PDB file of N, CA and C in Angstrom:
ATOM      1  N   MET A   1       0.849  -1.188   0.000  1.00  0.00           N
ATOM      2  CA  MET A   1       0.000   0.000   0.000  1.00  0.00           C
ATOM      3  C   MET A   1       0.892   1.247   0.000  1.00  0.00           C
ATOM      4  N   HIS A   2       0.502   2.209  -0.783  1.00  0.00           N
ATOM      5  CA  HIS A   2       1.288   3.432  -0.928  1.00  0.00           C
ATOM      6  C   HIS A   2       0.902   4.448   0.150  1.00  0.00           C
ATOM      7  N   GLN A   3       1.887   5.203   0.598  1.00  0.00           N
ATOM      8  CA  GLN A   3       1.636   6.289   1.535  1.00  0.00           C
ATOM      9  C   GLN A   3       1.061   7.480   0.761  1.00  0.00           C
ATOM     10  N   PRO A   4       0.069   8.179   1.325  1.00  0.00           N
ATOM     11  CA  PRO A   4      -0.557   9.301   0.602  1.00  0.00           C
ATOM     12  C   PRO A   4       0.442  10.330   0.096  1.00  0.00           C
ATOM     13  N   ARG A   5       1.413  10.683   0.899  1.00  0.00           N
ATOM     14  CA  ARG A   5       2.393  11.688   0.492  1.00  0.00           C
ATOM     15  C   ARG A   5       3.200  11.192  -0.711  1.00  0.00           C
ATOM     16  N   GLU A   6       3.552   9.905  -0.683  1.00  0.00           N
ATOM     17  CA  GLU A   6       4.300   9.282  -1.784  1.00  0.00           C
ATOM     18  C   GLU A   6       3.477   9.282  -3.070  1.00  0.00           C
ATOM     19  N   VAL A   7       2.187   8.982  -2.951  1.00  0.00           N
ATOM     20  CA  VAL A   7       1.282   8.965  -4.105  1.00  0.00           C
ATOM     21  C   VAL A   7       1.203  10.356  -4.722  1.00  0.00           C
ATOM     22  N   LEU A   8       0.959  11.355  -3.899  1.00  0.00           N
ATOM     23  CA  LEU A   8       0.822  12.720  -4.407  1.00  0.00           C
ATOM     24  C   LEU A   8       2.109  13.212  -5.052  1.00  0.00           C
ATOM     25  N   ARG A   9       3.234  12.878  -4.461  1.00  0.00           N
ATOM     26  CA  ARG A   9       4.521  13.304  -5.019  1.00  0.00           C
ATOM     27  C   ARG A   9       4.753  12.656  -6.384  1.00  0.00           C
ATOM     28  N   ALA A  10       4.541  11.345  -6.457  1.00  0.00           N
ATOM     29  CA  ALA A  10       4.781  10.632  -7.724  1.00  0.00           C
ATOM     30  C   ALA A  10       3.819  11.088  -8.810  1.00  0.00           C
ATOM     31  N   LEU A  11       2.543  11.211  -8.463  1.00  0.00           N
ATOM     32  CA  LEU A  11       1.561  11.631  -9.464  1.00  0.00           C
ATOM     33  C   LEU A  11       1.783  13.078  -9.879  1.00  0.00           C
ATOM     34  N   GLY A  12       2.182  13.916  -8.957  1.00  0.00           N
ATOM     35  CA  GLY A  12       2.412  15.324  -9.274  1.00  0.00           C
ATOM     36  C   GLY A  12       3.584  15.550 -10.213  1.00  0.00           C
ATOM     37  N   ARG A  13       4.574  14.674 -10.146  1.00  0.00           N
ATOM     38  CA  ARG A  13       5.750  14.818 -11.011  1.00  0.00           C
ATOM     39  C   ARG A  13       5.552  14.207 -12.393  1.00  0.00           C
ATOM     40  N   HIS A  14       4.522  13.395 -12.550  1.00  0.00           N
ATOM     41  CA  HIS A  14       4.329  12.643 -13.796  1.00  0.00           C
ATOM     42  C   HIS A  14       3.403  13.402 -14.758  1.00  0.00           C
ATOM     43  N   HIS A  15       3.973  13.931 -15.823  1.00  0.00           N
ATOM     44  CA  HIS A  15       3.205  14.678 -16.816  1.00  0.00           C
ATOM     45  C   HIS A  15       2.897  13.801 -18.027  1.00  0.00           C
ATOM     46  N   VAL A  16       1.671  13.943 -18.527  1.00  0.00           N
ATOM     47  CA  VAL A  16       1.234  13.255 -19.751  1.00  0.00           C
ATOM     48  C   VAL A  16       0.503  14.310 -20.574  1.00  0.00           C
ATOM     49  N   ARG A  17       1.239  14.965 -21.436  1.00  0.00           N
ATOM     50  CA  ARG A  17       0.694  16.129 -22.145  1.00  0.00           C
ATOM     51  C   ARG A  17      -0.006  15.794 -23.452  1.00  0.00           C
ATOM     52  N   GLU A  18       0.122  14.573 -23.935  1.00  0.00           N
ATOM     53  CA  GLU A  18      -0.391  14.258 -25.266  1.00  0.00           C
ATOM     54  C   GLU A  18      -1.813  13.685 -25.279  1.00  0.00           C
ATOM     55  N   LEU A  19      -2.638  13.988 -24.292  1.00  0.00           N
ATOM     56  CA  LEU A  19      -3.998  13.465 -24.284  1.00  0.00           C
ATOM     57  C   LEU A  19      -4.824  14.119 -25.390  1.00  0.00           C
ATOM     58  N   ASN A  20      -5.552  13.300 -26.133  1.00  0.00           N
ATOM     59  CA  ASN A  20      -6.393  13.839 -27.204  1.00  0.00           C
ATOM     60  C   ASN A  20      -7.716  14.372 -26.637  1.00  0.00           C
ATOM     61  N   ASP A  21      -8.542  14.935 -27.490  1.00  0.00           N
ATOM     62  CA  ASP A  21      -9.789  15.563 -27.042  1.00  0.00           C
ATOM     63  C   ASP A  21     -10.696  14.567 -26.327  1.00  0.00           C
ATOM     64  N   TYR A  22     -10.864  13.380 -26.874  1.00  0.00           N
ATOM     65  CA  TYR A  22     -11.726  12.379 -26.234  1.00  0.00           C
ATOM     66  C   TYR A  22     -11.172  11.984 -24.861  1.00  0.00           C
ATOM     67  N   GLN A  23      -9.871  11.818 -24.747  1.00  0.00           N
ATOM     68  CA  GLN A  23      -9.274  11.484 -23.454  1.00  0.00           C
ATOM     69  C   GLN A  23      -9.463  12.622 -22.451  1.00  0.00           C
ATOM     70  N   GLN A  24      -9.360  13.864 -22.922  1.00  0.00           N
ATOM     71  CA  GLN A  24      -9.618  15.007 -22.036  1.00  0.00           C
ATOM     72  C   GLN A  24     -11.063  14.989 -21.553  1.00  0.00           C
ATOM     73  N   ARG A  25     -11.981  14.638 -22.434  1.00  0.00           N
ATOM     74  CA  ARG A  25     -13.389  14.557 -22.046  1.00  0.00           C
ATOM     75  C   ARG A  25     -13.617  13.443 -21.027  1.00  0.00           C
ATOM     76  N   LEU A  26     -12.918  12.315 -21.209  1.00  0.00           N
ATOM     77  CA  LEU A  26     -13.016  11.238 -20.220  1.00  0.00           C
ATOM     78  C   LEU A  26     -12.493  11.702 -18.864  1.00  0.00           C
ATOM     79  N   VAL A  27     -11.372  12.394 -18.872  1.00  0.00           N
ATOM     80  CA  VAL A  27     -10.821  12.935 -17.628  1.00  0.00           C
ATOM     81  C   VAL A  27     -11.831  13.862 -16.975  1.00  0.00           C
ATOM     82  N   ALA A  28     -12.422  14.752 -17.747  1.00  0.00           N
ATOM     83  CA  ALA A  28     -13.411  15.680 -17.201  1.00  0.00           C
ATOM     84  C   ALA A  28     -14.589  14.927 -16.587  1.00  0.00           C
ATOM     85  N   ALA A  29     -15.088  13.934 -17.296  1.00  0.00           N
ATOM     86  CA  ALA A  29     -16.228  13.163 -16.796  1.00  0.00           C
ATOM     87  C   ALA A  29     -15.872  12.442 -15.497  1.00  0.00           C
ATOM     88  N   ILE A  30     -14.702  11.869 -15.435  1.00  0.00           N
ATOM     89  CA  ILE A  30     -14.267  11.169 -14.227  1.00  0.00           C
ATOM     90  C   ILE A  30     -14.132  12.153 -13.066  1.00  0.00           C
ATOM     91  N   CYS A  31     -13.602  13.335 -13.339  1.00  0.00           N
ATOM     92  CA  CYS A  31     -13.403  14.322 -12.278  1.00  0.00           C
ATOM     93  C   CYS A  31     -14.715  14.849 -11.704  1.00  0.00           C
ATOM     94  N   VAL A  32     -15.768  14.854 -12.493  1.00  0.00           N
ATOM     95  CA  VAL A  32     -17.061  15.299 -11.963  1.00  0.00           C
ATOM     96  C   VAL A  32     -17.899  14.136 -11.435  1.00  0.00           C
ATOM     97  N   GLY A  33     -17.324  12.935 -11.469  1.00  0.00           N
ATOM     98  CA  GLY A  33     -17.996  11.801 -10.847  1.00  0.00           C
ATOM     99  C   GLY A  33     -18.887  10.964 -11.728  1.00  0.00           C
ATOM    100  N   TRP A  34     -18.789  11.137 -13.036  1.00  0.00           N
ATOM    101  CA  TRP A  34     -19.608  10.318 -13.920  1.00  0.00           C
ATOM    102  C   TRP A  34     -19.093   8.886 -13.935  1.00  0.00           C
ATOM    103  N   ALA A  35     -20.003   7.940 -13.880  1.00  0.00           N
ATOM    104  CA  ALA A  35     -19.669   6.528 -14.036  1.00  0.00           C
ATOM    105  C   ALA A  35     -19.612   6.220 -15.539  1.00  0.00           C
ATOM    106  N   PRO A  36     -18.960   5.140 -15.932  1.00  0.00           N
ATOM    107  CA  PRO A  36     -18.894   4.801 -17.354  1.00  0.00           C
ATOM    108  C   PRO A  36     -20.252   4.761 -18.070  1.00  0.00           C
ATOM    109  N   PRO A  37     -21.325   4.245 -17.457  1.00  0.00           N
ATOM    110  CA  PRO A  37     -22.613   4.295 -18.165  1.00  0.00           C
ATOM    111  C   PRO A  37     -23.091   5.735 -18.429  1.00  0.00           C
ATOM    112  N   ASP A  38     -22.771   6.658 -17.529  1.00  0.00           N
ATOM    113  CA  ASP A  38     -23.127   8.069 -17.743  1.00  0.00           C
ATOM    114  C   ASP A  38     -22.343   8.642 -18.917  1.00  0.00           C
ATOM    115  N   VAL A  39     -21.062   8.297 -18.984  1.00  0.00           N
ATOM    116  CA  VAL A  39     -20.215   8.748 -20.092  1.00  0.00           C
ATOM    117  C   VAL A  39     -20.750   8.188 -21.396  1.00  0.00           C
ATOM    118  N   ALA A  40     -21.110   6.916 -21.379  1.00  0.00           N
ATOM    119  CA  ALA A  40     -21.641   6.271 -22.591  1.00  0.00           C
ATOM    120  C   ALA A  40     -22.901   6.983 -23.071  1.00  0.00           C
ATOM    121  N   ALA A  41     -23.806   7.252 -22.164  1.00  0.00           N
ATOM    122  CA  ALA A  41     -25.060   7.922 -22.538  1.00  0.00           C
ATOM    123  C   ALA A  41     -24.796   9.325 -23.090  1.00  0.00           C
ATOM    124  N   ALA A  42     -23.916  10.064 -22.450  1.00  0.00           N
ATOM    125  CA  ALA A  42     -23.642  11.439 -22.873  1.00  0.00           C
ATOM    126  C   ALA A  42     -22.859  11.507 -24.180  1.00  0.00           C
ATOM    127  N   SER A  43     -22.028  10.507 -24.419  1.00  0.00           N
ATOM    128  CA  SER A  43     -21.166  10.544 -25.604  1.00  0.00           C
ATOM    129  C   SER A  43     -21.747   9.801 -26.798  1.00  0.00           C
ATOM    130  N   GLY A  44     -22.864   9.106 -26.596  1.00  0.00           N
ATOM    131  CA  GLY A  44     -23.475   8.360 -27.684  1.00  0.00           C
ATOM    132  C   GLY A  44     -22.757   7.062 -28.006  1.00  0.00           C
ATOM    133  N   ARG A  45     -21.962   6.577 -27.073  1.00  0.00           N
ATOM    134  CA  ARG A  45     -21.245   5.313 -27.260  1.00  0.00           C
ATOM    135  C   ARG A  45     -21.876   4.262 -26.363  1.00  0.00           C
ATOM    136  N   SER A  46     -21.559   3.015 -26.626  1.00  0.00           N
ATOM    137  CA  SER A  46     -22.045   1.966 -25.732  1.00  0.00           C
ATOM    138  C   SER A  46     -21.100   1.861 -24.535  1.00  0.00           C
ATOM    139  N   SER A  47     -21.573   1.241 -23.479  1.00  0.00           N
ATOM    140  CA  SER A  47     -20.796   1.176 -22.237  1.00  0.00           C
ATOM    141  C   SER A  47     -19.504   0.395 -22.369  1.00  0.00           C
ATOM    142  N   LYS A  48     -19.521  -0.702 -23.109  1.00  0.00           N
ATOM    143  CA  LYS A  48     -18.340  -1.559 -23.181  1.00  0.00           C
ATOM    144  C   LYS A  48     -17.108  -0.808 -23.697  1.00  0.00           C
ATOM    145  N   PRO A  49     -17.207  -0.082 -24.820  1.00  0.00           N
ATOM    146  CA  PRO A  49     -16.028   0.674 -25.260  1.00  0.00           C
ATOM    147  C   PRO A  49     -15.616   1.767 -24.276  1.00  0.00           C
ATOM    148  N   VAL A  50     -16.584   2.378 -23.606  1.00  0.00           N
ATOM    149  CA  VAL A  50     -16.239   3.431 -22.643  1.00  0.00           C
ATOM    150  C   VAL A  50     -15.422   2.842 -21.496  1.00  0.00           C
ATOM    151  N   TYR A  51     -15.847   1.707 -20.967  1.00  0.00           N
ATOM    152  CA  TYR A  51     -15.060   1.042 -19.922  1.00  0.00           C
ATOM    153  C   TYR A  51     -13.639   0.768 -20.422  1.00  0.00           C
ATOM    154  N   ARG A  52     -13.537   0.265 -21.649  1.00  0.00           N
ATOM    155  CA  ARG A  52     -12.228  -0.056 -22.221  1.00  0.00           C
ATOM    156  C   ARG A  52     -11.384   1.206 -22.386  1.00  0.00           C
ATOM    157  N   HIS A  53     -11.986   2.281 -22.897  1.00  0.00           N
ATOM    158  CA  HIS A  53     -11.245   3.530 -23.110  1.00  0.00           C
ATOM    159  C   HIS A  53     -10.750   4.115 -21.788  1.00  0.00           C
ATOM    160  N   ILE A  54     -11.582   4.052 -20.764  1.00  0.00           N
ATOM    161  CA  ILE A  54     -11.168   4.565 -19.453  1.00  0.00           C
ATOM    162  C   ILE A  54     -10.018   3.726 -18.914  1.00  0.00           C
ATOM    163  N   ARG A  55     -10.115   2.429 -19.064  1.00  0.00           N
ATOM    164  CA  ARG A  55      -9.044   1.535 -18.601  1.00  0.00           C
ATOM    165  C   ARG A  55      -7.745   1.823 -19.366  1.00  0.00           C
ATOM    166  N   GLU A  56      -7.834   1.969 -20.678  1.00  0.00           N
ATOM    167  CA  GLU A  56      -6.647   2.273 -21.484  1.00  0.00           C
ATOM    168  C   GLU A  56      -6.031   3.612 -21.083  1.00  0.00           C
ATOM    169  N   LEU A  57      -6.873   4.605 -20.840  1.00  0.00           N
ATOM    170  CA  LEU A  57      -6.388   5.916 -20.411  1.00  0.00           C
ATOM    171  C   LEU A  57      -5.696   5.808 -19.059  1.00  0.00           C
ATOM    172  N   ALA A  58      -6.318   5.110 -18.125  1.00  0.00           N
ATOM    173  CA  ALA A  58      -5.728   4.942 -16.794  1.00  0.00           C
ATOM    174  C   ALA A  58      -4.382   4.219 -16.894  1.00  0.00           C
ATOM    175  N   CYS A  59      -4.311   3.191 -17.720  1.00  0.00           N
ATOM    176  CA  CYS A  59      -3.041   2.471 -17.910  1.00  0.00           C
ATOM    177  C   CYS A  59      -1.986   3.387 -18.527  1.00  0.00           C
ATOM    178  N   HIS A  60      -2.380   4.154 -19.523  1.00  0.00           N
ATOM    179  CA  HIS A  60      -1.449   5.063 -20.206  1.00  0.00           C
ATOM    180  C   HIS A  60      -0.855   6.075 -19.222  1.00  0.00           C
ATOM    181  N   VAL A  61      -1.692   6.592 -18.336  1.00  0.00           N
ATOM    182  CA  VAL A  61      -1.238   7.614 -17.396  1.00  0.00           C
ATOM    183  C   VAL A  61      -0.522   7.007 -16.195  1.00  0.00           C
ATOM    184  N   LEU A  62      -1.037   5.921 -15.663  1.00  0.00           N
ATOM    185  CA  LEU A  62      -0.571   5.430 -14.369  1.00  0.00           C
ATOM    186  C   LEU A  62       0.473   4.321 -14.411  1.00  0.00           C
ATOM    187  N   ASP A  63       0.504   3.530 -15.464  1.00  0.00           N
ATOM    188  CA  ASP A  63       1.493   2.448 -15.530  1.00  0.00           C
ATOM    189  C   ASP A  63       2.936   2.948 -15.383  1.00  0.00           C
ATOM    190  N   PRO A  64       3.297   4.063 -16.034  1.00  0.00           N
ATOM    191  CA  PRO A  64       4.691   4.523 -15.916  1.00  0.00           C
ATOM    192  C   PRO A  64       5.124   4.863 -14.488  1.00  0.00           C
ATOM    193  N   VAL A  65       4.168   5.195 -13.618  1.00  0.00           N
ATOM    194  CA  VAL A  65       4.535   5.513 -12.230  1.00  0.00           C
ATOM    195  C   VAL A  65       4.249   4.352 -11.284  1.00  0.00           C
ATOM    196  N   GLY A  66       3.749   3.248 -11.816  1.00  0.00           N
ATOM    197  CA  GLY A  66       3.590   2.041 -11.025  1.00  0.00           C
ATOM    198  C   GLY A  66       2.360   1.982 -10.143  1.00  0.00           C
ATOM    199  N   PHE A  67       1.338   2.758 -10.465  1.00  0.00           N
ATOM    200  CA  PHE A  67       0.109   2.709  -9.680  1.00  0.00           C
ATOM    201  C   PHE A  67      -0.965   1.929 -10.419  1.00  0.00           C
ATOM    202  N   GLU A  68      -1.844   1.309  -9.650  1.00  0.00           N
ATOM    203  CA  GLU A  68      -2.951   0.562 -10.222  1.00  0.00           C
ATOM    204  C   GLU A  68      -3.800   1.514 -11.077  1.00  0.00           C
ATOM    205  N   PRO A  69      -4.171   1.102 -12.283  1.00  0.00           N
ATOM    206  CA  PRO A  69      -4.918   2.000 -13.178  1.00  0.00           C
ATOM    207  C   PRO A  69      -6.401   2.101 -12.803  1.00  0.00           C
ATOM    208  N   THR A  70      -6.665   2.806 -11.709  1.00  0.00           N
ATOM    209  CA  THR A  70      -8.044   2.986 -11.250  1.00  0.00           C
ATOM    210  C   THR A  70      -8.526   4.398 -11.556  1.00  0.00           C
ATOM    211  N   ARG A  71      -9.832   4.572 -11.558  1.00  0.00           N
ATOM    212  CA  ARG A  71     -10.389   5.909 -11.768  1.00  0.00           C
ATOM    213  C   ARG A  71     -10.006   6.837 -10.624  1.00  0.00           C
ATOM    214  N   ASP A  72      -9.876   6.306  -9.403  1.00  0.00           N
ATOM    215  CA  ASP A  72      -9.503   7.152  -8.270  1.00  0.00           C
ATOM    216  C   ASP A  72      -8.099   7.732  -8.442  1.00  0.00           C
ATOM    217  N   PHE A  73      -7.141   6.889  -8.800  1.00  0.00           N
ATOM    218  CA  PHE A  73      -5.787   7.396  -9.042  1.00  0.00           C
ATOM    219  C   PHE A  73      -5.771   8.334 -10.243  1.00  0.00           C
ATOM    220  N   LEU A  74      -6.542   8.012 -11.283  1.00  0.00           N
ATOM    221  CA  LEU A  74      -6.595   8.874 -12.461  1.00  0.00           C
ATOM    222  C   LEU A  74      -7.181  10.238 -12.099  1.00  0.00           C
ATOM    223  N   ARG A  75      -8.233  10.246 -11.289  1.00  0.00           N
ATOM    224  CA  ARG A  75      -8.843  11.512 -10.847  1.00  0.00           C
ATOM    225  C   ARG A  75      -7.835  12.333 -10.047  1.00  0.00           C
ATOM    226  N   THR A  76      -7.110  11.690  -9.141  1.00  0.00           N
ATOM    227  CA  THR A  76      -6.117  12.402  -8.341  1.00  0.00           C
ATOM    228  C   THR A  76      -5.032  12.983  -9.234  1.00  0.00           C
ATOM    229  N   TRP A  77      -4.551  12.182 -10.189  1.00  0.00           N
ATOM    230  CA  TRP A  77      -3.542  12.681 -11.127  1.00  0.00           C
ATOM    231  C   TRP A  77      -4.078  13.899 -11.880  1.00  0.00           C
ATOM    232  N   ALA A  78      -5.308  13.796 -12.391  1.00  0.00           N
ATOM    233  CA  ALA A  78      -5.899  14.888 -13.171  1.00  0.00           C
ATOM    234  C   ALA A  78      -6.013  16.161 -12.345  1.00  0.00           C
ATOM    235  N   GLU A  79      -6.431  16.026 -11.099  1.00  0.00           N
ATOM    236  CA  GLU A  79      -6.574  17.211 -10.254  1.00  0.00           C
ATOM    237  C   GLU A  79      -5.223  17.868  -9.982  1.00  0.00           C
ATOM    238  N   LEU A  80      -4.182  17.071  -9.894  1.00  0.00           N
ATOM    239  CA  LEU A  80      -2.840  17.626  -9.700  1.00  0.00           C
ATOM    240  C   LEU A  80      -2.304  18.302 -10.963  1.00  0.00           C
ATOM    241  N   HIS A  81      -2.888  17.980 -12.104  1.00  0.00           N
ATOM    242  CA  HIS A  81      -2.413  18.506 -13.382  1.00  0.00           C
ATOM    243  C   HIS A  81      -3.471  19.356 -14.090  1.00  0.00           C
ATOM    244  N   GLY A  82      -4.347  19.966 -13.299  1.00  0.00           N
ATOM    245  CA  GLY A  82      -5.431  20.766 -13.859  1.00  0.00           C
ATOM    246  C   GLY A  82      -5.003  22.022 -14.577  1.00  0.00           C
ATOM    247  N   THR A  83      -3.771  22.463 -14.358  1.00  0.00           N
ATOM    248  CA  THR A  83      -3.291  23.668 -15.044  1.00  0.00           C
ATOM    249  C   THR A  83      -2.281  23.353 -16.139  1.00  0.00           C
ATOM    250  N   CYS A  84      -1.994  22.081 -16.328  1.00  0.00           N
ATOM    251  CA  CYS A  84      -1.039  21.719 -17.387  1.00  0.00           C
ATOM    252  C   CYS A  84      -1.651  20.606 -18.241  1.00  0.00           C
ATOM    253  N   CYS A  85      -1.370  19.388 -17.941  1.00  0.00           N
ATOM    254  CA  CYS A  85      -1.788  18.249 -18.766  1.00  0.00           C
ATOM    255  C   CYS A  85      -3.303  18.151 -18.952  1.00  0.00           C
ATOM    256  N   CYS A  86      -4.045  18.527 -17.932  1.00  0.00           N
ATOM    257  CA  CYS A  86      -5.506  18.378 -17.972  1.00  0.00           C
ATOM    258  C   CYS A  86      -6.244  19.711 -18.050  1.00  0.00           C
ATOM    259  N   ALA A  87      -5.534  20.761 -18.420  1.00  0.00           N
ATOM    260  CA  ALA A  87      -6.185  22.078 -18.527  1.00  0.00           C
ATOM    261  C   ALA A  87      -7.398  22.047 -19.456  1.00  0.00           C
ATOM    262  N   PRO A  88      -7.330  21.367 -20.605  1.00  0.00           N
ATOM    263  CA  PRO A  88      -8.529  21.304 -21.459  1.00  0.00           C
ATOM    264  C   PRO A  88      -9.713  20.611 -20.784  1.00  0.00           C
ATOM    265  N   ALA A  89      -9.451  19.589 -19.993  1.00  0.00           N
ATOM    266  CA  ALA A  89     -10.531  18.892 -19.290  1.00  0.00           C
ATOM    267  C   ALA A  89     -11.221  19.814 -18.294  1.00  0.00           C
ATOM    268  N   PHE A  90     -10.429  20.577 -17.551  1.00  0.00           N
ATOM    269  CA  PHE A  90     -11.023  21.467 -16.562  1.00  0.00           C
ATOM    270  C   PHE A  90     -11.721  22.661 -17.214  1.00  0.00           C
ATOM    271  N   LYS A  91     -11.265  23.051 -18.388  1.00  0.00           N
ATOM    272  CA  LYS A  91     -11.981  24.085 -19.142  1.00  0.00           C
ATOM    273  C   LYS A  91     -13.344  23.546 -19.583  1.00  0.00           C
ATOM    274  N   GLN A  92     -13.384  22.289 -20.027  1.00  0.00           N
ATOM    275  CA  GLN A  92     -14.658  21.673 -20.412  1.00  0.00           C
ATOM    276  C   GLN A  92     -15.612  21.613 -19.223  1.00  0.00           C
ATOM    277  N   ILE A  93     -15.094  21.318 -18.043  1.00  0.00           N
ATOM    278  CA  ILE A  93     -15.934  21.289 -16.843  1.00  0.00           C
ATOM    279  C   ILE A  93     -16.477  22.684 -16.562  1.00  0.00           C
ATOM    280  N   ARG A  94     -15.601  23.687 -16.557  1.00  0.00           N
ATOM    281  CA  ARG A  94     -16.040  25.067 -16.268  1.00  0.00           C
ATOM    282  C   ARG A  94     -17.111  25.532 -17.260  1.00  0.00           C
ATOM    283  N   GLU A  95     -16.969  25.136 -18.520  1.00  0.00           N
ATOM    284  CA  GLU A  95     -17.914  25.564 -19.552  1.00  0.00           C
ATOM    285  C   GLU A  95     -19.104  24.622 -19.700  1.00  0.00           C
ATOM    286  N   ASN A  96     -19.180  23.609 -18.838  1.00  0.00           N
ATOM    287  CA  ASN A  96     -20.275  22.646 -18.842  1.00  0.00           C
ATOM    288  C   ASN A  96     -20.484  22.025 -20.224  1.00  0.00           C
ATOM    289  N   ARG A  97     -19.397  21.585 -20.812  1.00  0.00           N
ATOM    290  CA  ARG A  97     -19.475  20.959 -22.134  1.00  0.00           C
ATOM    291  C   ARG A  97     -18.561  19.734 -22.204  1.00  0.00           C
ATOM    292  N   ILE A  98     -18.763  18.834 -21.260  1.00  0.00           N
ATOM    293  CA  ILE A  98     -17.925  17.638 -21.203  1.00  0.00           C
ATOM    294  C   ILE A  98     -18.178  16.764 -22.432  1.00  0.00           C
ATOM    295  N   PHE A  99     -19.430  16.481 -22.710  1.00  0.00           N
ATOM    296  CA  PHE A  99     -19.811  15.736 -23.931  1.00  0.00           C
ATOM    297  C   PHE A  99     -21.010  16.425 -24.541  1.00  0.00           C
TER     298      PHE A  99
END
């Protein structure tokens, strides 16, 4: 089990700047608490691909730092990077246009 301070330090140092628009929208949806079925309904996709896309995104972001690819860790990472890597996601949240 990771210590909270260790988690925040590792996630805060890990930048992933190449997220595409759909990945930014997934980050935004996760940060506001949408479950995959909510994302599917809002995006016009079926649930199965949304679950897969979220898992792939979590793996892409979290595998390099050695954390389990969960939505909770992904949300924490996104919140730590709201002014850099995830700035587009937080802009979508502010403008209420996630999907």
